[in-house]
Amino acid sequence: MTAHTTEHTAADDHALAADLATEAGRLLLAVRKEVGHGDPRALKDTGDLRAHEHLMAALAERRPGDAVLSEEGRASAAGKRSRGGADRAPTGNTRDADRLAADRVWIVDPLDGTREYSEEGRADWAVHVALWVKGELAAGAVALPAQGVTLRTVVGGAKAGEQDLRVPEPEPGRLRIAVSRTRPPAFVQRLADALDLDVTLVPIGSAGAKISAVLLGEVDAYVHAGGQYEWDSAAPAAVALAAGAHASRVDGSPLAYNRPDPTLPDILVCHPVSASTLLTGIRDVSDALPG
């Protein structure tokens, strides 16, 4: 990476994450209106790639010395094309060797929940922008464009829009767990059956929408095992931790980012009061965890 001497304060980084996620969200709403829902694949690809290019260009301009890891910057995304856009491959991520040596890495998902984005009327999709600095998540924002709000880290905490954000404590004896709309939640159903609580499974779209629902009090926990990547959880986890939530792997170990392999297959997000109960329950049904 090229050395740059510009120093950025923590407040600058928090603000930039929120600005970029919100801007990309507005762009995605405009693409939805432009392309329409008649061709879901065209809408998904166009939204994904335009949001990706917007974020890559903005980061290149405003944080030129930082590394970037974007879902759409992978070599496997090279075949995607944006309707009405230049017929070229997406801008690539920072080379792995440079990213792994960097002190500052932006981890972004330009469109989390492409299925929901392509379905008319659905609002459970998101834009993720996170900053990792020297081993820790330092800033993050999750824009929920169709819901008109961005959840974001700030110095000393988190906000939803302009309101302070703290993860609500669940009602005693009750637990609402966010689950995937599209993947059979067999493991989570086993967990629900094993808990000595009144458990309701609540289907929600993207990972960012699920974790946001925990932080906004719409559900009480998100438990996932069976496949994700760093960009699926970095920004939501950054906001969750800043909002006082528990966020970990399902075995209780810390979430780790900017790794050689960006696979990060499982996650638990909840109020700290529920963490011990859920981690114990997960351990008790661990034979049902996806291999």
Protein backbone atom coordinates (compact mmCIF):
# COMPACT_ATOMS: atom_id res chain seq x y z
CA MET A 1 0.00 0.00 0.00
CA THR A 2 1.14 3.54 -0.71
CA ALA A 3 1.97 5.47 2.46
CA HIS A 4 -0.26 8.45 3.23
CA THR A 5 0.34 10.89 6.06
CA THR A 6 -3.24 12.17 6.49
CA GLU A 7 -4.57 11.41 9.98
CA HIS A 8 -8.25 10.74 10.50
CA THR A 9 -9.96 10.98 13.87
CA ALA A 10 -12.30 8.30 15.14
CA ALA A 11 -15.19 10.73 14.67
CA ASP A 12 -14.18 11.16 11.02
CA ASP A 13 -14.24 7.40 10.47
CA HIS A 14 -17.61 6.92 12.18
CA ALA A 15 -19.10 9.73 10.09
CA LEU A 16 -17.62 8.41 6.86
CA ALA A 17 -18.98 4.90 7.42
CA ALA A 18 -22.47 6.33 8.00
CA ASP A 19 -22.27 8.70 5.05
CA LEU A 20 -21.10 6.02 2.63
CA ALA A 21 -23.70 3.45 3.70
CA THR A 22 -26.49 6.02 3.51
CA GLU A 23 -25.35 7.33 0.10
CA ALA A 24 -25.13 3.81 -1.33
CA GLY A 25 -28.59 3.11 0.05
CA ARG A 26 -30.05 6.11 -1.76
CA LEU A 27 -28.38 4.93 -4.96
CA LEU A 28 -29.93 1.47 -4.53
CA LEU A 29 -33.40 2.94 -4.09
CA ALA A 30 -32.91 4.88 -7.33
CA VAL A 31 -31.73 1.73 -9.15
CA ARG A 32 -34.80 -0.14 -7.89
CA LYS A 33 -37.02 2.55 -9.44
CA GLU A 34 -34.99 2.68 -12.68
CA VAL A 35 -34.67 -1.04 -13.38
CA GLY A 36 -37.92 -2.22 -11.83
CA HIS A 37 -38.75 -5.72 -10.62
CA GLY A 38 -39.53 -7.39 -13.96
CA ASP A 39 -36.08 -8.97 -14.23
CA PRO A 40 -34.88 -9.84 -10.70
CA ARG A 41 -31.40 -10.92 -11.84
CA ALA A 42 -30.81 -7.65 -13.69
CA LEU A 43 -31.98 -5.69 -10.64
CA LYS A 44 -29.76 -7.65 -8.27
CA ASP A 45 -26.63 -7.34 -10.43
CA THR A 46 -27.19 -3.69 -11.29
CA GLY A 47 -27.79 -2.71 -7.67
CA ASP A 48 -24.85 -4.76 -6.40
CA LEU A 49 -22.38 -3.36 -8.91
CA ARG A 50 -23.44 0.27 -8.87
CA ALA A 51 -23.33 0.37 -5.08
CA HIS A 52 -19.95 -1.38 -5.14
CA GLU A 53 -18.47 1.06 -7.63
CA HIS A 54 -19.84 4.02 -5.66
CA LEU A 55 -18.24 2.76 -2.44
CA MET A 56 -14.92 1.86 -4.09
CA ALA A 57 -14.65 5.28 -5.74
CA ALA A 58 -15.57 7.11 -2.54
CA LEU A 59 -13.04 5.19 -0.47
CA ALA A 60 -10.33 5.67 -3.10
CA GLU A 61 -10.97 9.42 -2.92
CA ARG A 62 -11.50 9.87 0.82
CA ARG A 63 -9.27 7.13 2.27
CA PRO A 64 -6.71 6.42 -0.48
CA GLY A 65 -4.24 4.77 1.89
CA ASP A 66 -6.70 2.24 3.30
CA ALA A 67 -7.32 -1.30 2.07
CA VAL A 68 -10.77 -2.48 0.97
CA LEU A 69 -12.50 -5.88 1.11
CA SER A 70 -15.85 -5.83 -0.70
CA GLU A 71 -18.09 -8.74 -1.56
CA GLU A 72 -18.30 -7.51 -5.15
CA GLY A 73 -14.55 -6.92 -5.45
CA ARG A 74 -13.75 -10.63 -5.41
CA ALA A 75 -12.46 -12.32 -8.54
CA SER A 76 -15.61 -14.48 -8.57
CA ALA A 77 -17.73 -11.36 -9.19
CA ALA A 78 -15.81 -10.44 -12.35
CA GLY A 79 -18.52 -11.79 -14.65
CA LYS A 80 -21.28 -9.55 -13.31
CA ARG A 81 -22.46 -6.64 -15.43
CA SER A 82 -24.60 -3.64 -14.53
CA ARG A 83 -27.56 -2.76 -16.75
CA GLY A 84 -26.86 0.56 -18.41
CA GLY A 85 -23.34 0.65 -17.01
CA ALA A 86 -19.93 0.25 -18.57
CA ASP A 87 -19.31 -3.28 -19.77
CA ARG A 88 -16.36 -3.98 -17.54
CA ALA A 89 -15.53 -6.09 -14.53
CA PRO A 90 -16.11 -4.64 -11.07
CA THR A 91 -13.28 -2.72 -9.43
CA GLY A 92 -11.19 -5.29 -7.57
CA ASN A 93 -10.35 -5.43 -3.90
CA THR A 94 -6.97 -4.56 -2.46
CA ARG A 95 -4.57 -7.46 -3.09
CA ASP A 96 -4.74 -9.98 -0.25
CA ALA A 97 -1.08 -9.56 0.69
CA ASP A 98 -1.49 -5.79 0.97
CA ARG A 99 -4.80 -6.06 2.82
CA LEU A 100 -3.38 -8.46 5.39
CA ALA A 101 -0.43 -6.15 5.99
CA ALA A 102 -2.60 -3.03 6.30
CA ASP A 103 -3.49 -1.30 9.56
CA ARG A 104 -6.82 -0.06 8.22
CA VAL A 105 -9.25 -2.11 6.13
CA TRP A 106 -12.77 -1.19 5.04
CA ILE A 107 -15.01 -4.26 4.90
CA VAL A 108 -18.14 -3.60 2.86
CA ASP A 109 -21.19 -5.35 1.50
CA PRO A 110 -22.68 -3.03 -1.13
CA LEU A 111 -26.02 -4.87 -1.04
CA ASP A 112 -26.78 -7.32 1.75
CA GLY A 113 -29.93 -9.22 0.88
CA THR A 114 -30.09 -9.20 -2.91
CA ARG A 115 -33.10 -11.52 -2.88
CA GLU A 116 -35.10 -9.13 -0.73
CA TYR A 117 -33.92 -6.14 -2.74
CA SER A 118 -35.26 -7.75 -5.91
CA GLU A 119 -38.69 -8.44 -4.37
CA GLU A 120 -41.12 -5.55 -4.66
CA GLY A 121 -42.17 -4.10 -1.32
CA ARG A 122 -39.55 -5.81 0.84
CA ALA A 123 -37.51 -3.60 3.16
CA ASP A 124 -35.26 -6.18 4.89
CA TRP A 125 -32.06 -5.51 2.90
CA ALA A 126 -29.09 -3.35 3.80
CA VAL A 127 -25.77 -1.71 2.96
CA HIS A 128 -22.78 -2.51 5.21
CA VAL A 129 -19.70 -0.33 5.67
CA ALA A 130 -17.21 -1.22 8.42
CA LEU A 131 -13.67 -0.18 9.29
CA TRP A 132 -11.21 -2.60 10.86
CA VAL A 133 -8.14 -1.06 12.51
CA LYS A 134 -5.24 -3.12 13.88
CA GLY A 135 -7.30 -6.12 14.92
CA GLU A 136 -10.55 -4.45 15.99
CA LEU A 137 -13.73 -3.16 14.42
CA ALA A 138 -13.35 0.60 14.76
CA ALA A 139 -16.44 1.98 12.99
CA GLY A 140 -19.48 0.67 11.18
CA ALA A 141 -22.81 1.56 9.65
CA VAL A 142 -25.78 -0.46 8.44
CA ALA A 143 -28.12 1.46 6.15
CA LEU A 144 -31.66 0.15 5.84
CA PRO A 145 -32.63 2.29 2.85
CA ALA A 146 -36.20 1.05 2.40
CA GLN A 147 -36.80 1.62 6.12
CA GLY A 148 -35.31 5.11 6.00
CA VAL A 149 -32.73 4.65 8.76
CA THR A 150 -29.00 4.06 9.18
CA LEU A 151 -27.68 2.37 12.32
CA ARG A 152 -24.17 3.64 12.99
CA THR A 153 -21.34 3.77 15.43
CA VAL A 154 -20.38 7.07 17.04
CA VAL A 155 -17.67 7.97 19.53
CA GLY A 156 -18.75 6.27 22.75
CA GLY A 157 -21.79 4.43 21.42
CA ALA A 158 -24.24 3.99 18.57
CA LYS A 159 -27.21 5.72 16.99
CA ALA A 160 -30.19 4.82 14.83
CA GLY A 161 -30.69 7.95 12.79
CA GLU A 162 -30.27 10.67 15.41
CA GLN A 163 -31.55 8.55 18.32
CA ASP A 164 -29.16 6.92 20.80
CA LEU A 165 -29.09 3.17 20.27
CA ARG A 166 -28.83 0.59 23.07
CA VAL A 167 -29.82 -3.03 22.66
CA PRO A 168 -33.08 -3.63 24.58
CA GLU A 169 -33.32 -6.35 27.23
CA PRO A 170 -35.79 -9.13 26.32
CA GLU A 171 -38.93 -9.86 28.29
CA PRO A 172 -38.34 -12.48 31.01
CA GLY A 173 -39.18 -15.98 29.85
CA ARG A 174 -39.54 -15.00 26.21
CA LEU A 175 -37.12 -14.94 23.29
CA ARG A 176 -37.69 -13.95 19.67
CA ILE A 177 -34.93 -15.27 17.42
CA ALA A 178 -34.36 -13.93 13.90
CA VAL A 179 -33.87 -16.66 11.31
CA SER A 180 -33.30 -16.88 7.58
CA ARG A 181 -36.25 -16.58 5.22
CA THR A 182 -34.72 -18.96 2.69
CA ARG A 183 -32.58 -21.53 4.53
CA PRO A 184 -34.32 -24.16 6.65
CA PRO A 185 -33.45 -23.24 10.27
CA ALA A 186 -33.14 -26.84 11.50
CA PHE A 187 -30.32 -26.05 13.92
CA VAL A 188 -32.10 -22.99 15.33
CA GLN A 189 -35.33 -25.00 15.69
CA ARG A 190 -33.41 -27.57 17.73
CA LEU A 191 -32.05 -24.75 19.85
CA ALA A 192 -35.53 -23.25 20.33
CA ASP A 193 -36.90 -26.63 21.41
CA ALA A 194 -34.05 -27.09 23.91
CA LEU A 195 -34.42 -23.72 25.64
CA ASP A 196 -36.64 -23.45 28.70
CA LEU A 197 -38.24 -20.33 27.27
CA ASP A 198 -41.15 -19.25 25.10
CA VAL A 199 -39.25 -19.02 21.81
CA THR A 200 -40.57 -17.54 18.58
CA LEU A 201 -38.62 -17.83 15.32
CA VAL A 202 -38.98 -14.69 13.20
CA PRO A 203 -38.02 -14.91 9.49
CA ILE A 204 -36.13 -11.79 8.29
CA GLY A 205 -34.12 -11.23 5.12
CA SER A 206 -30.53 -10.05 5.17
CA ALA A 207 -28.02 -10.51 7.99
CA GLY A 208 -27.82 -6.74 8.44
CA ALA A 209 -31.60 -6.51 8.72
CA LYS A 210 -31.65 -9.33 11.29
CA ILE A 211 -28.98 -7.78 13.52
CA SER A 212 -30.61 -4.36 13.16
CA ALA A 213 -33.88 -5.93 14.30
CA VAL A 214 -32.12 -7.14 17.47
CA LEU A 215 -30.77 -3.65 18.17
CA LEU A 216 -34.14 -2.00 17.48
CA GLY A 217 -36.02 -4.39 19.77
CA GLU A 218 -38.00 -6.10 17.02
CA VAL A 219 -36.43 -9.45 17.96
CA ASP A 220 -34.19 -10.51 20.83
CA ALA A 221 -31.43 -12.54 19.18
CA TYR A 222 -29.87 -13.61 15.92
CA VAL A 223 -28.28 -17.04 15.75
CA HIS A 224 -26.75 -18.23 12.51
CA ALA A 225 -24.59 -21.17 11.54
CA GLY A 226 -24.05 -22.48 8.07
CA GLY A 227 -22.13 -19.98 6.03
CA GLN A 228 -21.32 -16.28 5.89
CA TYR A 229 -18.37 -14.04 5.10
CA GLU A 230 -16.72 -11.12 6.85
CA TRP A 231 -18.69 -8.55 4.84
CA ASP A 232 -21.98 -10.12 6.00
CA SER A 233 -21.35 -9.31 9.65
CA ALA A 234 -18.54 -6.75 10.09
CA ALA A 235 -20.66 -3.59 9.97
CA PRO A 236 -23.64 -5.04 11.89
CA ALA A 237 -21.30 -6.47 14.53
CA ALA A 238 -19.52 -3.12 14.89
CA VAL A 239 -22.84 -1.37 15.53
CA ALA A 240 -24.07 -4.15 17.82
CA LEU A 241 -20.99 -4.02 20.02
CA ALA A 242 -21.17 -0.22 20.17
CA ALA A 243 -24.84 -0.51 21.19
CA GLY A 244 -23.96 -2.77 24.13
CA ALA A 245 -24.95 -6.08 22.55
CA HIS A 246 -23.18 -9.41 22.82
CA ALA A 247 -21.70 -10.43 19.44
CA SER A 248 -19.58 -13.56 19.05
CA ARG A 249 -19.15 -16.83 17.21
CA VAL A 250 -21.68 -19.46 18.28
CA ASP A 251 -19.01 -21.11 20.47
CA GLY A 252 -18.52 -17.81 22.32
CA SER A 253 -15.18 -16.96 20.73
CA PRO A 254 -14.63 -13.44 19.37
CA LEU A 255 -15.51 -12.48 15.83
CA ALA A 256 -12.24 -11.94 13.92
CA TYR A 257 -11.90 -9.91 10.73
CA ASN A 258 -9.32 -9.21 8.01
CA ARG A 259 -8.26 -12.83 7.86
CA PRO A 260 -6.63 -14.60 4.89
CA ASP A 261 -9.87 -16.55 4.36
CA PRO A 262 -12.86 -14.19 4.69
CA THR A 263 -15.23 -17.04 5.59
CA LEU A 264 -16.93 -16.35 8.92
CA PRO A 265 -19.63 -19.00 9.04
CA ASP A 266 -21.53 -18.36 12.27
CA ILE A 267 -22.59 -15.59 14.63
CA LEU A 268 -24.63 -14.87 17.76
CA VAL A 269 -25.98 -11.39 18.52
CA CYS A 270 -28.18 -10.73 21.53
CA HIS A 271 -28.52 -8.72 24.74
CA PRO A 272 -25.75 -9.72 27.18
CA VAL A 273 -28.36 -11.05 29.62
CA SER A 274 -29.30 -13.74 27.06
CA ALA A 275 -25.79 -14.69 25.97
CA SER A 276 -25.07 -17.37 28.59
CA THR A 277 -28.43 -19.08 28.04
CA LEU A 278 -28.02 -19.10 24.28
CA LEU A 279 -24.39 -20.22 24.29
CA THR A 280 -25.24 -23.07 26.67
CA GLY A 281 -28.20 -24.05 24.50
CA ILE A 282 -26.08 -23.96 21.36
CA ARG A 283 -23.48 -26.17 23.01
CA ASP A 284 -26.19 -28.64 24.03
CA VAL A 285 -27.40 -29.02 20.43
CA SER A 286 -23.98 -28.70 18.82
CA ASP A 287 -24.41 -32.06 17.10
CA ALA A 288 -27.01 -30.31 14.92
CA LEU A 289 -24.66 -27.52 13.83
CA PRO A 290 -24.02 -27.53 10.06
CA GLY A 291 -20.69 -29.13 9.27
